[in-house]
């Protein structure tokens, strides 16, 4: 496994419940802003092995990219965490996680 793939896995594991990140955002945080497809491949091939919260990853438009049963499963898992999905879209302004922003603890 490459260092970049390891970083992708770390970033995905750190997405809190009730939040989402985009493929491109994960790629940028992991060190390759043009690596969104690599994020997709890592999710596809390593989600089970590394117990990744794959359902918290959506596309740059805030949409669920999966179709059919995969779409329904991802939508259900997001909604169980409190993420509202309208049709196939999540409000990124409300639910997008930014690992570089520290919440005010006071």
PDB file of N, CA and C in Angstrom:
ATOM      1  N   UNK A   1       0.853  -1.177   0.000  1.00  0.00           N
ATOM      2  CA  UNK A   1       0.000   0.000   0.000  1.00  0.00           C
ATOM      3  C   UNK A   1       0.900   1.242   0.000  1.00  0.00           C
ATOM      4  N   UNK A   2       0.571   2.186  -0.863  1.00  0.00           N
ATOM      5  CA  UNK A   2       1.374   3.399  -0.962  1.00  0.00           C
ATOM      6  C   UNK A   2       1.092   4.334   0.217  1.00  0.00           C
ATOM      7  N   UNK A   3       2.019   5.241   0.507  1.00  0.00           N
ATOM      8  CA  UNK A   3       1.767   6.230   1.569  1.00  0.00           C
ATOM      9  C   UNK A   3       0.514   7.072   1.293  1.00  0.00           C
ATOM     10  N   UNK A   4       0.267   7.378   0.024  1.00  0.00           N
ATOM     11  CA  UNK A   4      -0.921   8.156  -0.331  1.00  0.00           C
ATOM     12  C   UNK A   4      -2.201   7.373  -0.020  1.00  0.00           C
ATOM     13  N   UNK A   5      -2.215   6.101  -0.350  1.00  0.00           N
ATOM     14  CA  UNK A   5      -3.382   5.267  -0.050  1.00  0.00           C
ATOM     15  C   UNK A   5      -3.596   5.168   1.458  1.00  0.00           C
ATOM     16  N   UNK A   6      -2.527   5.030   2.209  1.00  0.00           N
ATOM     17  CA  UNK A   6      -2.637   5.002   3.672  1.00  0.00           C
ATOM     18  C   UNK A   6      -3.264   6.295   4.189  1.00  0.00           C
ATOM     19  N   UNK A   7      -2.850   7.416   3.622  1.00  0.00           N
ATOM     20  CA  UNK A   7      -3.388   8.710   4.052  1.00  0.00           C
ATOM     21  C   UNK A   7      -4.872   8.821   3.697  1.00  0.00           C
ATOM     22  N   UNK A   8      -5.256   8.324   2.520  1.00  0.00           N
ATOM     23  CA  UNK A   8      -6.667   8.308   2.128  1.00  0.00           C
ATOM     24  C   UNK A   8      -7.480   7.553   3.179  1.00  0.00           C
ATOM     25  N   UNK A   9      -7.006   6.400   3.574  1.00  0.00           N
ATOM     26  CA  UNK A   9      -7.703   5.574   4.562  1.00  0.00           C
ATOM     27  C   UNK A   9      -7.829   6.316   5.891  1.00  0.00           C
ATOM     28  N   UNK A  10      -6.759   6.975   6.328  1.00  0.00           N
ATOM     29  CA  UNK A  10      -6.790   7.746   7.576  1.00  0.00           C
ATOM     30  C   UNK A  10      -7.836   8.856   7.517  1.00  0.00           C
ATOM     31  N   UNK A  11      -7.844   9.581   6.400  1.00  0.00           N
ATOM     32  CA  UNK A  11      -8.787  10.697   6.258  1.00  0.00           C
ATOM     33  C   UNK A  11     -10.223  10.188   6.321  1.00  0.00           C
ATOM     34  N   UNK A  12     -10.510   9.118   5.603  1.00  0.00           N
ATOM     35  CA  UNK A  12     -11.870   8.569   5.594  1.00  0.00           C
ATOM     36  C   UNK A  12     -12.269   8.083   6.985  1.00  0.00           C
ATOM     37  N   UNK A  13     -11.366   7.407   7.671  1.00  0.00           N
ATOM     38  CA  UNK A  13     -11.673   6.921   9.020  1.00  0.00           C
ATOM     39  C   UNK A  13     -11.989   8.059   9.988  1.00  0.00           C
ATOM     40  N   UNK A  14     -11.432   9.227   9.731  1.00  0.00           N
ATOM     41  CA  UNK A  14     -11.611  10.371  10.631  1.00  0.00           C
ATOM     42  C   UNK A  14     -12.875  11.193  10.372  1.00  0.00           C
ATOM     43  N   UNK A  15     -13.647  10.837   9.339  1.00  0.00           N
ATOM     44  CA  UNK A  15     -14.889  11.580   9.083  1.00  0.00           C
ATOM     45  C   UNK A  15     -15.875  11.239  10.198  1.00  0.00           C
ATOM     46  N   UNK A  16     -16.313  12.244  10.960  1.00  0.00           N
ATOM     47  CA  UNK A  16     -17.226  11.948  12.071  1.00  0.00           C
ATOM     48  C   UNK A  16     -18.608  11.517  11.587  1.00  0.00           C
ATOM     49  N   UNK A  17     -19.286  10.760  12.421  1.00  0.00           N
ATOM     50  CA  UNK A  17     -20.667  10.386  12.132  1.00  0.00           C
ATOM     51  C   UNK A  17     -21.487  11.652  11.964  1.00  0.00           C
ATOM     52  N   UNK A  18     -22.408  11.636  11.007  1.00  0.00           N
ATOM     53  CA  UNK A  18     -23.267  12.785  10.758  1.00  0.00           C
ATOM     54  C   UNK A  18     -22.634  13.840   9.861  1.00  0.00           C
ATOM     55  N   UNK A  19     -21.475  13.527   9.302  1.00  0.00           N
ATOM     56  CA  UNK A  19     -20.779  14.458   8.408  1.00  0.00           C
ATOM     57  C   UNK A  19     -20.375  13.708   7.140  1.00  0.00           C
ATOM     58  N   UNK A  20     -20.038  14.465   6.097  1.00  0.00           N
ATOM     59  CA  UNK A  20     -19.584  13.870   4.840  1.00  0.00           C
ATOM     60  C   UNK A  20     -18.358  14.620   4.331  1.00  0.00           C
ATOM     61  N   UNK A  21     -17.629  13.974   3.452  1.00  0.00           N
ATOM     62  CA  UNK A  21     -16.555  14.614   2.694  1.00  0.00           C
ATOM     63  C   UNK A  21     -16.707  14.186   1.243  1.00  0.00           C
ATOM     64  N   UNK A  22     -16.158  14.986   0.338  1.00  0.00           N
ATOM     65  CA  UNK A  22     -16.200  14.636  -1.078  1.00  0.00           C
ATOM     66  C   UNK A  22     -14.936  13.873  -1.463  1.00  0.00           C
ATOM     67  N   UNK A  23     -15.026  13.149  -2.573  1.00  0.00           N
ATOM     68  CA  UNK A  23     -13.871  12.409  -3.075  1.00  0.00           C
ATOM     69  C   UNK A  23     -12.689  13.350  -3.277  1.00  0.00           C
ATOM     70  N   UNK A  24     -12.931  14.477  -3.934  1.00  0.00           N
ATOM     71  CA  UNK A  24     -11.864  15.436  -4.205  1.00  0.00           C
ATOM     72  C   UNK A  24     -11.300  16.063  -2.946  1.00  0.00           C
ATOM     73  N   UNK A  25     -12.153  16.331  -1.990  1.00  0.00           N
ATOM     74  CA  UNK A  25     -11.715  16.903  -0.718  1.00  0.00           C
ATOM     75  C   UNK A  25     -10.789  15.920   0.004  1.00  0.00           C
ATOM     76  N   UNK A  26     -11.166  14.652   0.023  1.00  0.00           N
ATOM     77  CA  UNK A  26     -10.335  13.631   0.658  1.00  0.00           C
ATOM     78  C   UNK A  26      -8.994  13.548  -0.049  1.00  0.00           C
ATOM     79  N   UNK A  27      -9.020  13.565  -1.376  1.00  0.00           N
ATOM     80  CA  UNK A  27      -7.780  13.512  -2.150  1.00  0.00           C
ATOM     81  C   UNK A  27      -6.862  14.679  -1.788  1.00  0.00           C
ATOM     82  N   UNK A  28      -7.424  15.883  -1.702  1.00  0.00           N
ATOM     83  CA  UNK A  28      -6.629  17.068  -1.380  1.00  0.00           C
ATOM     84  C   UNK A  28      -6.045  16.971   0.031  1.00  0.00           C
ATOM     85  N   UNK A  29      -6.856  16.565   0.995  1.00  0.00           N
ATOM     86  CA  UNK A  29      -6.379  16.438   2.377  1.00  0.00           C
ATOM     87  C   UNK A  29      -5.284  15.368   2.461  1.00  0.00           C
ATOM     88  N   UNK A  30      -5.417  14.321   1.661  1.00  0.00           N
ATOM     89  CA  UNK A  30      -4.430  13.244   1.653  1.00  0.00           C
ATOM     90  C   UNK A  30      -3.156  13.614   0.896  1.00  0.00           C
ATOM     91  N   UNK A  31      -3.180  14.744   0.188  1.00  0.00           N
ATOM     92  CA  UNK A  31      -1.958  15.211  -0.467  1.00  0.00           C
ATOM     93  C   UNK A  31      -1.942  15.204  -1.977  1.00  0.00           C
ATOM     94  N   UNK A  32      -3.061  14.874  -2.620  1.00  0.00           N
ATOM     95  CA  UNK A  32      -3.103  14.888  -4.084  1.00  0.00           C
ATOM     96  C   UNK A  32      -4.446  15.450  -4.550  1.00  0.00           C
ATOM     97  N   UNK A  33      -4.537  16.763  -4.752  1.00  0.00           N
ATOM     98  CA  UNK A  33      -5.812  17.388  -5.128  1.00  0.00           C
ATOM     99  C   UNK A  33      -6.454  16.815  -6.391  1.00  0.00           C
ATOM    100  N   UNK A  34      -5.678  16.127  -7.209  1.00  0.00           N
ATOM    101  CA  UNK A  34      -6.211  15.549  -8.444  1.00  0.00           C
ATOM    102  C   UNK A  34      -6.472  14.045  -8.316  1.00  0.00           C
ATOM    103  N   UNK A  35      -6.519  13.551  -7.094  1.00  0.00           N
ATOM    104  CA  UNK A  35      -6.606  12.107  -6.883  1.00  0.00           C
ATOM    105  C   UNK A  35      -7.970  11.575  -6.497  1.00  0.00           C
ATOM    106  N   UNK A  36      -9.043  12.250  -6.904  1.00  0.00           N
ATOM    107  CA  UNK A  36     -10.391  11.805  -6.524  1.00  0.00           C
ATOM    108  C   UNK A  36     -10.686  10.377  -6.993  1.00  0.00           C
ATOM    109  N   UNK A  37     -10.212  10.018  -8.170  1.00  0.00           N
ATOM    110  CA  UNK A  37     -10.466   8.653  -8.664  1.00  0.00           C
ATOM    111  C   UNK A  37      -9.733   7.607  -7.830  1.00  0.00           C
ATOM    112  N   UNK A  38      -8.569   7.977  -7.314  1.00  0.00           N
ATOM    113  CA  UNK A  38      -7.844   7.060  -6.445  1.00  0.00           C
ATOM    114  C   UNK A  38      -8.613   6.855  -5.138  1.00  0.00           C
ATOM    115  N   UNK A  39      -9.265   7.905  -4.665  1.00  0.00           N
ATOM    116  CA  UNK A  39     -10.098   7.782  -3.467  1.00  0.00           C
ATOM    117  C   UNK A  39     -11.221   6.795  -3.745  1.00  0.00           C
ATOM    118  N   UNK A  40     -11.847   6.924  -4.900  1.00  0.00           N
ATOM    119  CA  UNK A  40     -12.928   6.023  -5.281  1.00  0.00           C
ATOM    120  C   UNK A  40     -12.437   4.578  -5.335  1.00  0.00           C
ATOM    121  N   UNK A  41     -11.280   4.362  -5.928  1.00  0.00           N
ATOM    122  CA  UNK A  41     -10.729   3.005  -6.016  1.00  0.00           C
ATOM    123  C   UNK A  41     -10.411   2.446  -4.627  1.00  0.00           C
ATOM    124  N   UNK A  42      -9.843   3.287  -3.773  1.00  0.00           N
ATOM    125  CA  UNK A  42      -9.515   2.836  -2.414  1.00  0.00           C
ATOM    126  C   UNK A  42     -10.790   2.446  -1.655  1.00  0.00           C
ATOM    127  N   UNK A  43     -11.831   3.265  -1.794  1.00  0.00           N
ATOM    128  CA  UNK A  43     -13.097   2.941  -1.135  1.00  0.00           C
ATOM    129  C   UNK A  43     -13.642   1.608  -1.628  1.00  0.00           C
ATOM    130  N   UNK A  44     -13.610   1.425  -2.933  1.00  0.00           N
ATOM    131  CA  UNK A  44     -14.156   0.204  -3.531  1.00  0.00           C
ATOM    132  C   UNK A  44     -13.394  -1.039  -3.071  1.00  0.00           C
ATOM    133  N   UNK A  45     -12.077  -0.940  -3.014  1.00  0.00           N
ATOM    134  CA  UNK A  45     -11.281  -2.136  -2.742  1.00  0.00           C
ATOM    135  C   UNK A  45     -10.919  -2.340  -1.275  1.00  0.00           C
ATOM    136  N   UNK A  46     -11.048  -1.302  -0.431  1.00  0.00           N
ATOM    137  CA  UNK A  46     -10.555  -1.425   0.936  1.00  0.00           C
ATOM    138  C   UNK A  46     -11.570  -1.126   2.040  1.00  0.00           C
ATOM    139  N   UNK A  47     -12.797  -0.789   1.677  1.00  0.00           N
ATOM    140  CA  UNK A  47     -13.786  -0.418   2.693  1.00  0.00           C
ATOM    141  C   UNK A  47     -14.030  -1.516   3.717  1.00  0.00           C
ATOM    142  N   UNK A  48     -14.225  -2.728   3.254  1.00  0.00           N
ATOM    143  CA  UNK A  48     -14.501  -3.831   4.180  1.00  0.00           C
ATOM    144  C   UNK A  48     -13.280  -4.170   5.019  1.00  0.00           C
ATOM    145  N   UNK A  49     -12.148  -4.312   4.374  1.00  0.00           N
ATOM    146  CA  UNK A  49     -10.917  -4.702   5.059  1.00  0.00           C
ATOM    147  C   UNK A  49     -10.534  -3.718   6.167  1.00  0.00           C
ATOM    148  N   UNK A  50     -10.715  -2.429   5.900  1.00  0.00           N
ATOM    149  CA  UNK A  50     -10.301  -1.392   6.853  1.00  0.00           C
ATOM    150  C   UNK A  50     -11.472  -0.785   7.621  1.00  0.00           C
ATOM    151  N   UNK A  51     -12.654  -1.354   7.445  1.00  0.00           N
ATOM    152  CA  UNK A  51     -13.864  -0.884   8.150  1.00  0.00           C
ATOM    153  C   UNK A  51     -14.077   0.623   7.949  1.00  0.00           C
ATOM    154  N   UNK A  52     -14.033   1.050   6.696  1.00  0.00           N
ATOM    155  CA  UNK A  52     -14.165   2.474   6.374  1.00  0.00           C
ATOM    156  C   UNK A  52     -15.627   2.904   6.367  1.00  0.00           C
ATOM    157  N   UNK A  53     -15.913   4.091   6.855  1.00  0.00           N
ATOM    158  CA  UNK A  53     -17.274   4.629   6.780  1.00  0.00           C
ATOM    159  C   UNK A  53     -17.532   5.170   5.360  1.00  0.00           C
ATOM    160  N   UNK A  54     -17.566   4.267   4.402  1.00  0.00           N
ATOM    161  CA  UNK A  54     -17.664   4.594   2.981  1.00  0.00           C
ATOM    162  C   UNK A  54     -18.873   5.454   2.670  1.00  0.00           C
ATOM    163  N   UNK A  55     -19.929   5.288   3.455  1.00  0.00           N
ATOM    164  CA  UNK A  55     -21.185   5.993   3.187  1.00  0.00           C
ATOM    165  C   UNK A  55     -21.063   7.498   3.421  1.00  0.00           C
ATOM    166  N   UNK A  56     -20.001   7.935   4.079  1.00  0.00           N
ATOM    167  CA  UNK A  56     -19.800   9.362   4.360  1.00  0.00           C
ATOM    168  C   UNK A  56     -19.057  10.079   3.242  1.00  0.00           C
ATOM    169  N   UNK A  57     -18.818   9.396   2.130  1.00  0.00           N
ATOM    170  CA  UNK A  57     -18.097   9.981   1.000  1.00  0.00           C
ATOM    171  C   UNK A  57     -19.063  10.166  -0.167  1.00  0.00           C
ATOM    172  N   UNK A  58     -19.155  11.409  -0.639  1.00  0.00           N
ATOM    173  CA  UNK A  58     -20.081  11.748  -1.727  1.00  0.00           C
ATOM    174  C   UNK A  58     -19.342  12.578  -2.779  1.00  0.00           C
ATOM    175  N   UNK A  59     -20.016  12.902  -3.865  1.00  0.00           N
ATOM    176  CA  UNK A  59     -19.327  13.647  -4.921  1.00  0.00           C
ATOM    177  C   UNK A  59     -19.329  15.158  -4.645  1.00  0.00           C
ATOM    178  N   UNK A  60     -18.636  15.892  -5.483  1.00  0.00           N
ATOM    179  CA  UNK A  60     -18.425  17.330  -5.257  1.00  0.00           C
ATOM    180  C   UNK A  60     -19.702  18.159  -5.353  1.00  0.00           C
ATOM    181  N   UNK A  61     -20.751  17.592  -5.916  1.00  0.00           N
ATOM    182  CA  UNK A  61     -22.039  18.285  -6.006  1.00  0.00           C
ATOM    183  C   UNK A  61     -22.916  17.976  -4.795  1.00  0.00           C
ATOM    184  N   UNK A  62     -22.389  17.181  -3.873  1.00  0.00           N
ATOM    185  CA  UNK A  62     -23.166  16.788  -2.706  1.00  0.00           C
ATOM    186  C   UNK A  62     -24.074  15.613  -2.972  1.00  0.00           C
ATOM    187  N   UNK A  63     -23.861  14.938  -4.085  1.00  0.00           N
ATOM    188  CA  UNK A  63     -24.744  13.838  -4.465  1.00  0.00           C
ATOM    189  C   UNK A  63     -24.135  12.476  -4.153  1.00  0.00           C
ATOM    190  N   UNK A  64     -25.021  11.536  -3.924  1.00  0.00           N
ATOM    191  CA  UNK A  64     -24.628  10.137  -3.791  1.00  0.00           C
ATOM    192  C   UNK A  64     -24.381   9.621  -5.203  1.00  0.00           C
ATOM    193  N   UNK A  65     -23.190   9.077  -5.419  1.00  0.00           N
ATOM    194  CA  UNK A  65     -22.824   8.630  -6.766  1.00  0.00           C
ATOM    195  C   UNK A  65     -23.321   7.234  -7.101  1.00  0.00           C
ATOM    196  N   UNK A  66     -23.619   6.446  -6.096  1.00  0.00           N
ATOM    197  CA  UNK A  66     -24.051   5.075  -6.335  1.00  0.00           C
ATOM    198  C   UNK A  66     -25.463   5.029  -6.901  1.00  0.00           C
ATOM    199  N   UNK A  67     -25.764   3.943  -7.543  1.00  0.00           N
ATOM    200  CA  UNK A  67     -27.093   3.713  -8.115  1.00  0.00           C
ATOM    201  C   UNK A  67     -27.718   2.476  -7.477  1.00  0.00           C
ATOM    202  N   UNK A  68     -29.017   2.348  -7.625  1.00  0.00           N
ATOM    203  CA  UNK A  68     -29.722   1.142  -7.187  1.00  0.00           C
ATOM    204  C   UNK A  68     -29.614   0.863  -5.708  1.00  0.00           C
ATOM    205  N   UNK A  69     -29.319  -0.398  -5.364  1.00  0.00           N
ATOM    206  CA  UNK A  69     -29.242  -0.820  -3.971  1.00  0.00           C
ATOM    207  C   UNK A  69     -28.151  -0.074  -3.205  1.00  0.00           C
ATOM    208  N   UNK A  70     -27.034   0.207  -3.868  1.00  0.00           N
ATOM    209  CA  UNK A  70     -25.951   0.948  -3.223  1.00  0.00           C
ATOM    210  C   UNK A  70     -26.386   2.338  -2.823  1.00  0.00           C
ATOM    211  N   UNK A  71     -27.140   2.986  -3.697  1.00  0.00           N
ATOM    212  CA  UNK A  71     -27.689   4.310  -3.385  1.00  0.00           C
ATOM    213  C   UNK A  71     -28.578   4.236  -2.159  1.00  0.00           C
ATOM    214  N   UNK A  72     -29.484   3.279  -2.154  1.00  0.00           N
ATOM    215  CA  UNK A  72     -30.432   3.151  -1.046  1.00  0.00           C
ATOM    216  C   UNK A  72     -29.712   2.861   0.269  1.00  0.00           C
ATOM    217  N   UNK A  73     -28.684   2.013   0.221  1.00  0.00           N
ATOM    218  CA  UNK A  73     -27.940   1.685   1.431  1.00  0.00           C
ATOM    219  C   UNK A  73     -27.184   2.913   1.954  1.00  0.00           C
ATOM    220  N   UNK A  74     -26.526   3.647   1.053  1.00  0.00           N
ATOM    221  CA  UNK A  74     -25.787   4.833   1.476  1.00  0.00           C
ATOM    222  C   UNK A  74     -26.725   5.887   2.055  1.00  0.00           C
ATOM    223  N   UNK A  75     -27.847   6.110   1.386  1.00  0.00           N
ATOM    224  CA  UNK A  75     -28.828   7.077   1.876  1.00  0.00           C
ATOM    225  C   UNK A  75     -29.319   6.686   3.268  1.00  0.00           C
ATOM    226  N   UNK A  76     -29.654   5.429   3.442  1.00  0.00           N
ATOM    227  CA  UNK A  76     -30.150   4.942   4.734  1.00  0.00           C
ATOM    228  C   UNK A  76     -29.107   5.138   5.830  1.00  0.00           C
ATOM    229  N   UNK A  77     -27.851   4.780   5.554  1.00  0.00           N
ATOM    230  CA  UNK A  77     -26.792   4.917   6.551  1.00  0.00           C
ATOM    231  C   UNK A  77     -26.556   6.379   6.922  1.00  0.00           C
ATOM    232  N   UNK A  78     -26.585   7.259   5.931  1.00  0.00           N
ATOM    233  CA  UNK A  78     -26.416   8.689   6.218  1.00  0.00           C
ATOM    234  C   UNK A  78     -27.573   9.207   7.068  1.00  0.00           C
ATOM    235  N   UNK A  79     -28.791   8.840   6.695  1.00  0.00           N
ATOM    236  CA  UNK A  79     -29.960   9.310   7.439  1.00  0.00           C
ATOM    237  C   UNK A  79     -29.971   8.779   8.872  1.00  0.00           C
ATOM    238  N   UNK A  80     -29.467   7.570   9.093  1.00  0.00           N
ATOM    239  CA  UNK A  80     -29.364   7.022  10.444  1.00  0.00           C
ATOM    240  C   UNK A  80     -28.412   7.851  11.317  1.00  0.00           C
ATOM    241  N   UNK A  81     -27.477   8.535  10.661  1.00  0.00           N
ATOM    242  CA  UNK A  81     -26.530   9.400  11.380  1.00  0.00           C
ATOM    243  C   UNK A  81     -27.018  10.843  11.465  1.00  0.00           C
ATOM    244  N   UNK A  82     -28.219  11.096  10.954  1.00  0.00           N
ATOM    245  CA  UNK A  82     -28.777  12.439  11.038  1.00  0.00           C
ATOM    246  C   UNK A  82     -28.513  13.326   9.844  1.00  0.00           C
ATOM    247  N   UNK A  83     -27.920  12.774   8.785  1.00  0.00           N
ATOM    248  CA  UNK A  83     -27.664  13.545   7.571  1.00  0.00           C
ATOM    249  C   UNK A  83     -28.911  13.506   6.704  1.00  0.00           C
ATOM    250  N   UNK A  84     -29.439  14.651   6.386  1.00  0.00           N
ATOM    251  CA  UNK A  84     -30.639  14.713   5.559  1.00  0.00           C
ATOM    252  C   UNK A  84     -30.258  14.609   4.086  1.00  0.00           C
ATOM    253  N   UNK A  85     -30.885  13.655   3.408  1.00  0.00           N
ATOM    254  CA  UNK A  85     -30.651  13.447   1.979  1.00  0.00           C
ATOM    255  C   UNK A  85     -31.949  13.760   1.262  1.00  0.00           C
ATOM    256  N   UNK A  86     -31.923  14.811   0.449  1.00  0.00           N
ATOM    257  CA  UNK A  86     -33.107  15.177  -0.338  1.00  0.00           C
ATOM    258  C   UNK A  86     -32.893  14.703  -1.761  1.00  0.00           C
ATOM    259  N   UNK A  87     -33.727  13.764  -2.183  1.00  0.00           N
ATOM    260  CA  UNK A  87     -33.567  13.053  -3.458  1.00  0.00           C
ATOM    261  C   UNK A  87     -32.235  12.328  -3.392  1.00  0.00           C
ATOM    262  N   UNK A  88     -31.215  12.833  -4.075  1.00  0.00           N
ATOM    263  CA  UNK A  88     -29.901  12.178  -4.025  1.00  0.00           C
ATOM    264  C   UNK A  88     -28.824  13.124  -3.508  1.00  0.00           C
ATOM    265  N   UNK A  89     -29.225  14.218  -2.850  1.00  0.00           N
ATOM    266  CA  UNK A  89     -28.279  15.274  -2.516  1.00  0.00           C
ATOM    267  C   UNK A  89     -28.234  15.600  -1.025  1.00  0.00           C
ATOM    268  N   UNK A  90     -27.021  15.922  -0.579  1.00  0.00           N
ATOM    269  CA  UNK A  90     -26.752  16.329   0.798  1.00  0.00           C
ATOM    270  C   UNK A  90     -26.341  17.802   0.768  1.00  0.00           C
ATOM    271  N   UNK A  91     -26.791  18.574   1.721  1.00  0.00           N
ATOM    272  CA  UNK A  91     -26.424  19.984   1.825  1.00  0.00           C
ATOM    273  C   UNK A  91     -24.990  20.078   2.366  1.00  0.00           C
ATOM    274  N   UNK A  92     -24.046  20.364   1.469  1.00  0.00           N
ATOM    275  CA  UNK A  92     -22.641  20.412   1.865  1.00  0.00           C
ATOM    276  C   UNK A  92     -22.358  21.541   2.851  1.00  0.00           C
ATOM    277  N   UNK A  93     -23.097  22.631   2.755  1.00  0.00           N
ATOM    278  CA  UNK A  93     -22.878  23.734   3.692  1.00  0.00           C
ATOM    279  C   UNK A  93     -23.181  23.310   5.125  1.00  0.00           C
ATOM    280  N   UNK A  94     -24.080  22.385   5.267  1.00  0.00           N
ATOM    281  CA  UNK A  94     -24.489  21.929   6.594  1.00  0.00           C
ATOM    282  C   UNK A  94     -23.712  20.703   7.075  1.00  0.00           C
ATOM    283  N   UNK A  95     -23.424  19.757   6.186  1.00  0.00           N
ATOM    284  CA  UNK A  95     -22.903  18.457   6.599  1.00  0.00           C
ATOM    285  C   UNK A  95     -21.459  18.163   6.190  1.00  0.00           C
ATOM    286  N   UNK A  96     -20.827  19.057   5.426  1.00  0.00           N
ATOM    287  CA  UNK A  96     -19.461  18.764   4.973  1.00  0.00           C
ATOM    288  C   UNK A  96     -18.456  18.967   6.104  1.00  0.00           C
ATOM    289  N   UNK A  97     -17.685  17.947   6.338  1.00  0.00           N
ATOM    290  CA  UNK A  97     -16.661  17.983   7.380  1.00  0.00           C
ATOM    291  C   UNK A  97     -15.393  18.602   6.822  1.00  0.00           C
ATOM    292  N   UNK A  98     -14.806  19.507   7.588  1.00  0.00           N
ATOM    293  CA  UNK A  98     -13.528  20.108   7.232  1.00  0.00           C
ATOM    294  C   UNK A  98     -12.553  19.787   8.351  1.00  0.00           C
ATOM    295  N   UNK A  99     -11.606  18.874   8.116  1.00  0.00           N
ATOM    296  CA  UNK A  99     -10.691  18.474   9.177  1.00  0.00           C
ATOM    297  C   UNK A  99      -9.752  19.587   9.636  1.00  0.00           C
ATOM    298  N   UNK A 100      -9.719  20.692   8.904  1.00  0.00           N
ATOM    299  CA  UNK A 100      -8.834  21.797   9.264  1.00  0.00           C
ATOM    300  C   UNK A 100      -9.521  22.864  10.103  1.00  0.00           C
ATOM    301  N   UNK A 101     -10.811  22.697  10.355  1.00  0.00           N
ATOM    302  CA  UNK A 101     -11.553  23.649  11.173  1.00  0.00           C
ATOM    303  C   UNK A 101     -11.735  23.043  12.564  1.00  0.00           C
ATOM    304  N   UNK A 102     -11.325  23.781  13.553  1.00  0.00           N
ATOM    305  CA  UNK A 102     -11.483  23.327  14.928  1.00  0.00           C
ATOM    306  C   UNK A 102     -12.723  23.990  15.491  1.00  0.00           C
ATOM    307  N   UNK A 103     -13.664  23.172  15.964  1.00  0.00           N
ATOM    308  CA  UNK A 103     -14.871  23.720  16.562  1.00  0.00           C
ATOM    309  C   UNK A 103     -14.534  24.478  17.836  1.00  0.00           C
ATOM    310  N   UNK A 104     -15.298  25.506  18.086  1.00  0.00           N
ATOM    311  CA  UNK A 104     -15.155  26.284  19.318  1.00  0.00           C
ATOM    312  C   UNK A 104     -15.605  25.415  20.479  1.00  0.00           C
ATOM    313  N   UNK A 105     -14.699  25.136  21.396  1.00  0.00           N
ATOM    314  CA  UNK A 105     -15.021  24.245  22.510  1.00  0.00           C
ATOM    315  C   UNK A 105     -15.633  24.962  23.691  1.00  0.00           C
ATOM    316  N   UNK A 106     -15.795  26.252  23.597  1.00  0.00           N
ATOM    317  CA  UNK A 106     -16.311  27.018  24.736  1.00  0.00           C
ATOM    318  C   UNK A 106     -17.733  27.424  24.543  1.00  0.00           C
TER     319      UNK A 106
END
